[in-house]
């Protein structure tokens, strides 16, 4: 089984990545994750200026995953880039790509953050556009508006020569519209999805559990939402889709890749079960793919796509969607109940 996948001109030893914000950006810990079998590691999101984040409680395991409102606490991009340089030096000999995550409160701030993290020469820059836009009258997040999302993308692309993946929010009416906007603005890939907005109430305290009142839901509960978003996006976009949301085991990875994800990020599972989870799940996914008759992980991408009535977004994408990496695929013989080549 050939476990490697190619995305944005980068070779990944396997498709299973550490998601942003789970283990921070401590270089030694990222190296440990890489040595444990991760296909790539993503740093915690960094902003132009330091942020203290929200007061506790910020994270809760509610039984079906996590709900969090950490508030994107970070030391600022100038401090972060030094740690990223150290992480890059440790990861390069291992052949494990480094993804640097950034966010900002203004369009120009995104450009500055991209310019600074580029000094560390990460392999990919992930752009978190789910933060509030301070220039908007109501502080509406960039991710909710195709015009704002495209403006951020163009600014980041003009600030770096490193490939850029834009992370999309599920808290929108039409995620494909946002995906098309950032693709046309120059994004090299999209990441789907960020956390789903939610709230829990402490019935004894008679108030929301989180200090921030509301937060983002992650973990198994959102897997169907993430898979549908990846499926819909990859049917229409020309650029690769990186899937994230609710991945707990190797079967989930295969499911997400069949939906159209070239790479798959893990977050809550790593927080709940430790950094070695990535390598274990990557190996499990490879075994499952091989048992299903695939010769490589790249061949799994998009095989669940079926012919449907023409989607209105297909016209905007040039008349058809793109499914990457298929090669020679097995198909399911439902009558015989087994795979045939």
Protein backbone atom coordinates (compact mmCIF):
# COMPACT_ATOMS: atom_id res chain seq x y z
CA UNK A 1 0.00 0.00 0.00
CA UNK A 2 1.35 3.39 -1.05
CA UNK A 3 0.27 5.68 1.81
CA UNK A 4 1.59 8.98 0.46
CA UNK A 5 -0.61 11.66 -1.08
CA UNK A 6 0.24 14.80 -3.07
CA UNK A 7 -1.50 18.10 -2.36
CA UNK A 8 -0.60 21.63 -3.50
CA UNK A 9 2.66 20.31 -4.95
CA UNK A 10 3.65 18.90 -1.55
CA UNK A 11 4.29 15.22 -0.83
CA UNK A 12 2.70 13.97 2.40
CA UNK A 13 3.83 10.58 3.77
CA UNK A 14 0.20 9.81 4.61
CA UNK A 15 -3.04 11.82 4.55
CA UNK A 16 -3.60 12.08 8.34
CA UNK A 17 -2.71 15.51 9.77
CA UNK A 18 -2.69 17.17 13.16
CA UNK A 19 -5.31 19.94 13.15
CA UNK A 20 -4.61 23.45 14.38
CA UNK A 21 -5.10 24.46 17.98
CA UNK A 22 -4.88 21.01 19.56
CA UNK A 23 -1.31 20.74 20.84
CA UNK A 24 -0.04 24.29 20.43
CA UNK A 25 3.20 24.98 18.56
CA UNK A 26 5.92 23.72 20.89
CA UNK A 27 8.55 22.42 18.46
CA UNK A 28 9.47 19.33 20.47
CA UNK A 29 5.85 18.24 20.72
CA UNK A 30 5.26 18.72 16.98
CA UNK A 31 8.36 16.61 16.34
CA UNK A 32 6.97 13.90 18.64
CA UNK A 33 3.71 13.91 16.67
CA UNK A 34 5.62 13.61 13.39
CA UNK A 35 7.77 10.74 14.67
CA UNK A 36 4.57 9.06 15.85
CA UNK A 37 3.31 8.75 12.29
CA UNK A 38 1.45 11.95 11.42
CA UNK A 39 1.37 12.87 7.74
CA UNK A 40 1.70 16.58 8.60
CA UNK A 41 1.40 18.88 11.61
CA UNK A 42 -0.44 22.18 11.88
CA UNK A 43 0.57 24.88 14.33
CA UNK A 44 -1.81 26.74 16.62
CA UNK A 45 -3.28 29.80 14.88
CA UNK A 46 -1.17 32.94 15.28
CA UNK A 47 -2.32 36.55 14.90
CA UNK A 48 -0.47 39.82 14.25
CA UNK A 49 -0.73 40.78 17.92
CA UNK A 50 -0.76 38.57 21.05
CA UNK A 51 -4.17 37.46 22.34
CA UNK A 52 -5.04 36.30 25.84
CA UNK A 53 -8.19 34.45 24.77
CA UNK A 54 -11.35 33.92 26.81
CA UNK A 55 -11.52 33.24 30.56
CA UNK A 56 -12.18 29.73 31.86
CA UNK A 57 -14.07 27.50 31.42
CA UNK A 58 -13.07 27.30 27.77
CA UNK A 59 -13.24 23.58 26.83
CA UNK A 60 -15.72 20.88 27.82
CA UNK A 61 -16.08 17.22 26.86
CA UNK A 62 -19.87 16.92 26.64
CA UNK A 63 -19.99 13.23 25.77
CA UNK A 64 -20.25 13.48 21.99
CA UNK A 65 -17.13 15.51 21.39
CA UNK A 66 -15.86 18.87 22.63
CA UNK A 67 -17.27 22.37 22.84
CA UNK A 68 -14.70 25.14 23.17
CA UNK A 69 -14.28 28.88 23.24
CA UNK A 70 -10.55 29.28 23.83
CA UNK A 71 -10.56 32.60 21.99
CA UNK A 72 -7.52 31.94 19.77
CA UNK A 73 -5.04 32.70 22.54
CA UNK A 74 -1.50 33.00 21.14
CA UNK A 75 1.73 34.96 21.70
CA UNK A 76 1.55 36.80 18.38
CA UNK A 77 3.07 36.00 15.03
CA UNK A 78 6.50 37.54 15.74
CA UNK A 79 6.99 35.16 18.68
CA UNK A 80 5.35 32.27 16.85
CA UNK A 81 7.63 32.44 13.81
CA UNK A 82 10.69 31.63 15.93
CA UNK A 83 9.01 28.47 17.20
CA UNK A 84 7.94 27.59 13.67
CA UNK A 85 11.55 27.88 12.48
CA UNK A 86 12.60 25.39 15.14
CA UNK A 87 9.72 23.06 14.24
CA UNK A 88 10.56 23.25 10.54
CA UNK A 89 14.19 22.30 11.22
CA UNK A 90 13.05 19.26 13.22
CA UNK A 91 10.39 18.12 10.73
CA UNK A 92 12.26 18.53 7.46
CA UNK A 93 14.61 15.53 8.00
CA UNK A 94 11.54 13.42 8.80
CA UNK A 95 9.81 14.34 5.54
CA UNK A 96 6.74 15.60 7.44
CA UNK A 97 5.29 18.91 6.18
CA UNK A 98 4.67 21.83 8.51
CA UNK A 99 1.44 23.82 8.15
CA UNK A 100 1.36 27.28 9.75
CA UNK A 101 -2.08 28.53 10.78
CA UNK A 102 -2.86 32.25 10.86
CA UNK A 103 -5.79 34.55 11.60
CA UNK A 104 -6.38 38.27 11.99
CA UNK A 105 -9.07 40.82 12.74
CA UNK A 106 -8.50 42.85 9.55
CA UNK A 107 -7.72 42.04 5.95
CA UNK A 108 -4.33 43.76 6.17
CA UNK A 109 -3.63 41.84 9.36
CA UNK A 110 -3.93 38.57 7.46
CA UNK A 111 -1.35 39.82 4.97
CA UNK A 112 1.04 40.75 7.76
CA UNK A 113 0.62 37.40 9.52
CA UNK A 114 1.26 35.52 6.27
CA UNK A 115 4.35 37.57 5.53
CA UNK A 116 5.82 36.95 8.99
CA UNK A 117 5.16 33.18 9.20
CA UNK A 118 6.65 32.78 5.73
CA UNK A 119 10.06 33.49 7.27
CA UNK A 120 9.86 30.01 8.82
CA UNK A 121 9.26 28.49 5.37
CA UNK A 122 6.29 26.30 6.31
CA UNK A 123 5.12 23.98 3.55
CA UNK A 124 1.56 25.33 3.64
CA UNK A 125 -0.24 28.26 5.26
CA UNK A 126 -3.71 27.58 6.64
CA UNK A 127 -5.87 30.70 6.85
CA UNK A 128 -8.51 30.68 9.58
CA UNK A 129 -11.19 33.11 8.41
CA UNK A 130 -13.73 32.27 11.12
CA UNK A 131 -12.67 35.21 13.30
CA UNK A 132 -14.67 38.47 13.50
CA UNK A 133 -13.94 41.20 10.95
CA UNK A 134 -13.44 44.37 12.99
CA UNK A 135 -14.01 46.48 9.87
CA UNK A 136 -17.54 45.07 9.56
CA UNK A 137 -20.27 47.04 11.30
CA UNK A 138 -21.36 43.99 13.34
CA UNK A 139 -18.00 42.24 13.51
CA UNK A 140 -19.24 39.53 11.16
CA UNK A 141 -16.65 36.77 10.61
CA UNK A 142 -14.84 36.79 7.26
CA UNK A 143 -15.93 33.18 6.69
CA UNK A 144 -19.61 34.12 6.43
CA UNK A 145 -19.26 36.46 3.47
CA UNK A 146 -17.82 35.46 0.06
CA UNK A 147 -16.60 38.99 -0.65
CA UNK A 148 -14.70 39.26 2.65
CA UNK A 149 -13.37 35.71 2.34
CA UNK A 150 -12.07 36.43 -1.16
CA UNK A 151 -10.48 39.70 -0.06
CA UNK A 152 -8.56 37.94 2.71
CA UNK A 153 -7.45 35.22 0.29
CA UNK A 154 -6.14 37.70 -2.27
CA UNK A 155 -4.27 39.62 0.42
CA UNK A 156 -2.62 36.49 1.82
CA UNK A 157 -1.69 35.23 -1.64
CA UNK A 158 -0.06 38.56 -2.46
CA UNK A 159 1.95 38.38 0.79
CA UNK A 160 3.58 34.97 0.37
CA UNK A 161 4.86 32.51 -2.22
CA UNK A 162 3.86 29.56 -0.01
CA UNK A 163 0.71 27.59 -0.95
CA UNK A 164 -2.40 28.76 0.89
CA UNK A 165 -5.33 26.71 2.21
CA UNK A 166 -8.38 28.65 3.44
CA UNK A 167 -10.34 27.10 6.31
CA UNK A 168 -14.09 27.39 5.82
CA UNK A 169 -16.87 27.65 8.38
CA UNK A 170 -19.92 25.36 8.38
CA UNK A 171 -22.00 28.13 9.96
CA UNK A 172 -23.13 29.47 6.59
CA UNK A 173 -26.08 29.02 4.27
CA UNK A 174 -23.93 27.81 1.37
CA UNK A 175 -20.35 26.68 1.99
CA UNK A 176 -19.78 26.00 -1.71
CA UNK A 177 -20.38 29.67 -2.50
CA UNK A 178 -17.61 30.62 -0.07
CA UNK A 179 -15.37 27.88 -1.46
CA UNK A 180 -15.79 29.14 -5.01
CA UNK A 181 -15.05 32.70 -3.88
CA UNK A 182 -11.73 31.82 -2.23
CA UNK A 183 -10.76 29.53 -5.13
CA UNK A 184 -11.26 32.33 -7.63
CA UNK A 185 -9.29 34.64 -5.32
CA UNK A 186 -6.30 32.30 -5.60
CA UNK A 187 -6.57 29.75 -2.78
CA UNK A 188 -4.50 26.63 -3.47
CA UNK A 189 -6.79 24.47 -1.31
CA UNK A 190 -9.68 24.74 1.13
CA UNK A 191 -10.07 23.17 4.56
CA UNK A 192 -13.54 22.03 5.64
CA UNK A 193 -14.81 22.38 8.24
CA UNK A 194 -14.14 24.61 11.22
CA UNK A 195 -16.19 24.01 14.37
CA UNK A 196 -20.00 24.17 14.42
CA UNK A 197 -21.48 26.94 16.58
CA UNK A 198 -23.20 25.71 19.72
CA UNK A 199 -24.06 26.21 23.37
CA UNK A 200 -24.62 24.11 26.49
CA UNK A 201 -26.50 25.18 29.62
CA UNK A 202 -25.60 24.36 33.22
CA UNK A 203 -29.09 23.76 34.63
CA UNK A 204 -27.89 24.23 38.23
CA UNK A 205 -26.06 27.48 37.58
CA UNK A 206 -28.85 28.52 35.18
CA UNK A 207 -26.41 29.90 32.65
CA UNK A 208 -24.32 28.74 29.67
CA UNK A 209 -21.43 26.47 30.63
CA UNK A 210 -18.72 28.39 28.76
CA UNK A 211 -17.55 31.76 30.03
CA UNK A 212 -17.91 33.02 26.46
CA UNK A 213 -21.50 31.69 26.49
CA UNK A 214 -21.23 30.08 23.04
CA UNK A 215 -18.48 28.00 21.48
CA UNK A 216 -17.46 25.67 18.69
CA UNK A 217 -18.50 22.01 18.61
CA UNK A 218 -15.99 19.42 17.39
CA UNK A 219 -15.67 15.65 17.59
CA UNK A 220 -17.87 12.74 16.44
CA UNK A 221 -21.13 14.71 16.55
CA UNK A 222 -20.11 16.87 13.58
CA UNK A 223 -18.71 14.16 11.29
CA UNK A 224 -21.77 13.98 9.01
CA UNK A 225 -21.74 17.77 8.64
CA UNK A 226 -18.05 17.73 7.71
CA UNK A 227 -18.40 14.86 5.25
CA UNK A 228 -21.27 16.55 3.42
CA UNK A 229 -19.31 19.81 3.21
CA UNK A 230 -16.27 18.01 1.78
CA UNK A 231 -18.46 16.08 -0.67
CA UNK A 232 -20.23 19.22 -1.89
CA UNK A 233 -17.04 21.26 -2.19
CA UNK A 234 -14.97 18.62 -3.95
CA UNK A 235 -17.68 18.04 -6.56
CA UNK A 236 -17.38 21.65 -7.65
CA UNK A 237 -13.95 23.06 -6.83
CA UNK A 238 -10.80 22.61 -8.91
CA UNK A 239 -8.52 22.91 -5.87
CA UNK A 240 -7.99 20.14 -3.29
CA UNK A 241 -10.17 19.86 -0.20
CA UNK A 242 -8.68 19.05 3.21
CA UNK A 243 -11.30 17.42 5.44
CA UNK A 244 -11.64 17.93 9.18
CA UNK A 245 -14.40 17.28 11.68
CA UNK A 246 -15.33 14.27 13.78
CA UNK A 247 -12.58 11.88 12.66
CA UNK A 248 -12.01 9.20 15.31
CA UNK A 249 -10.58 6.15 13.52
CA UNK A 250 -9.26 4.76 10.25
CA UNK A 251 -12.73 4.10 8.86
CA UNK A 252 -13.61 7.77 9.35
CA UNK A 253 -10.50 8.75 7.39
CA UNK A 254 -11.51 6.50 4.48
CA UNK A 255 -15.04 7.88 4.59
CA UNK A 256 -13.78 11.46 4.47
CA UNK A 257 -11.40 10.71 1.60
CA UNK A 258 -14.10 8.92 -0.37
CA UNK A 259 -16.17 12.07 0.05
CA UNK A 260 -13.37 13.97 -1.70
CA UNK A 261 -10.76 14.97 0.88
CA UNK A 262 -7.14 14.67 -0.22
CA UNK A 263 -5.92 15.13 3.36
CA UNK A 264 -7.71 14.60 6.67
CA UNK A 265 -7.07 16.54 9.88
CA UNK A 266 -7.64 15.24 13.42
CA UNK A 267 -8.26 17.49 16.39
CA UNK A 268 -10.58 16.33 19.17
CA UNK A 269 -9.44 12.70 18.87
CA UNK A 270 -5.86 13.79 19.54
CA UNK A 271 -6.87 15.92 22.51
CA UNK A 272 -8.88 13.04 23.99
CA UNK A 273 -6.51 10.15 23.24
CA UNK A 274 -3.04 11.64 22.86
CA UNK A 275 -0.65 12.50 20.00
CA UNK A 276 0.06 8.85 19.14
CA UNK A 277 -3.53 8.67 17.88
CA UNK A 278 -2.47 10.16 14.53
CA UNK A 279 -0.02 7.42 13.63
CA UNK A 280 -2.37 4.69 14.81
CA UNK A 281 -5.27 6.01 12.75
CA UNK A 282 -3.07 6.57 9.68
CA UNK A 283 -1.92 2.94 9.82
CA UNK A 284 -5.47 1.72 10.36
CA UNK A 285 -6.74 3.75 7.38
CA UNK A 286 -4.03 2.27 5.14
CA UNK A 287 -4.98 -1.26 6.19
CA UNK A 288 -8.65 -0.61 5.47
CA UNK A 289 -7.89 0.93 2.07
CA UNK A 290 -5.77 -2.07 1.13
CA UNK A 291 -8.49 -4.48 2.27
CA UNK A 292 -10.93 -2.63 0.00
CA UNK A 293 -8.69 -3.20 -3.00
CA UNK A 294 -6.97 0.18 -3.30
CA UNK A 295 -3.31 0.32 -4.30
CA UNK A 296 -2.70 3.77 -2.83
CA UNK A 297 -4.34 6.25 -0.49
CA UNK A 298 -4.48 8.78 -3.32
CA UNK A 299 -6.81 6.42 -5.19
CA UNK A 300 -9.40 6.66 -2.42
CA UNK A 301 -10.06 10.36 -3.00
CA UNK A 302 -13.55 11.07 -4.29
CA UNK A 303 -14.68 7.53 -5.11
CA UNK A 304 -18.03 8.04 -3.35
CA UNK A 305 -19.07 10.71 -5.84
CA UNK A 306 -22.12 9.60 -7.80
CA UNK A 307 -23.98 11.15 -10.69
CA UNK A 308 -26.73 13.49 -9.53
CA UNK A 309 -28.93 16.13 -11.06
CA UNK A 310 -26.84 19.06 -12.21
CA UNK A 311 -25.97 21.25 -9.25
CA UNK A 312 -26.34 24.98 -9.77
CA UNK A 313 -22.73 25.50 -8.62
CA UNK A 314 -21.33 23.31 -11.40
CA UNK A 315 -21.89 26.08 -13.94
CA UNK A 316 -19.82 28.44 -11.79
CA UNK A 317 -17.05 25.85 -11.71
CA UNK A 318 -16.83 25.61 -15.46
CA UNK A 319 -19.52 22.99 -16.01
CA UNK A 320 -18.12 20.18 -13.92
CA UNK A 321 -16.48 19.37 -10.65
CA UNK A 322 -13.05 17.83 -10.25
CA UNK A 323 -12.24 14.65 -8.39
CA UNK A 324 -8.52 14.25 -7.83
CA UNK A 325 -6.30 11.21 -7.66
CA UNK A 326 -8.67 8.47 -8.82
CA UNK A 327 -6.46 6.40 -11.10
CA UNK A 328 -7.73 2.84 -11.54
CA UNK A 329 -10.51 2.38 -9.01
CA UNK A 330 -12.26 -0.66 -7.64
CA UNK A 331 -16.05 -0.63 -7.73
CA UNK A 332 -18.62 -2.21 -5.52
CA UNK A 333 -20.46 -5.26 -6.85
CA UNK A 334 -23.51 -5.01 -4.63
CA UNK A 335 -25.01 -8.29 -5.84
CA UNK A 336 -21.90 -10.32 -5.14
CA UNK A 337 -21.19 -8.34 -1.97
CA UNK A 338 -17.50 -7.83 -2.68
CA UNK A 339 -15.11 -5.52 -4.47
CA UNK A 340 -14.07 -6.26 -8.01
CA UNK A 341 -11.26 -4.61 -9.96
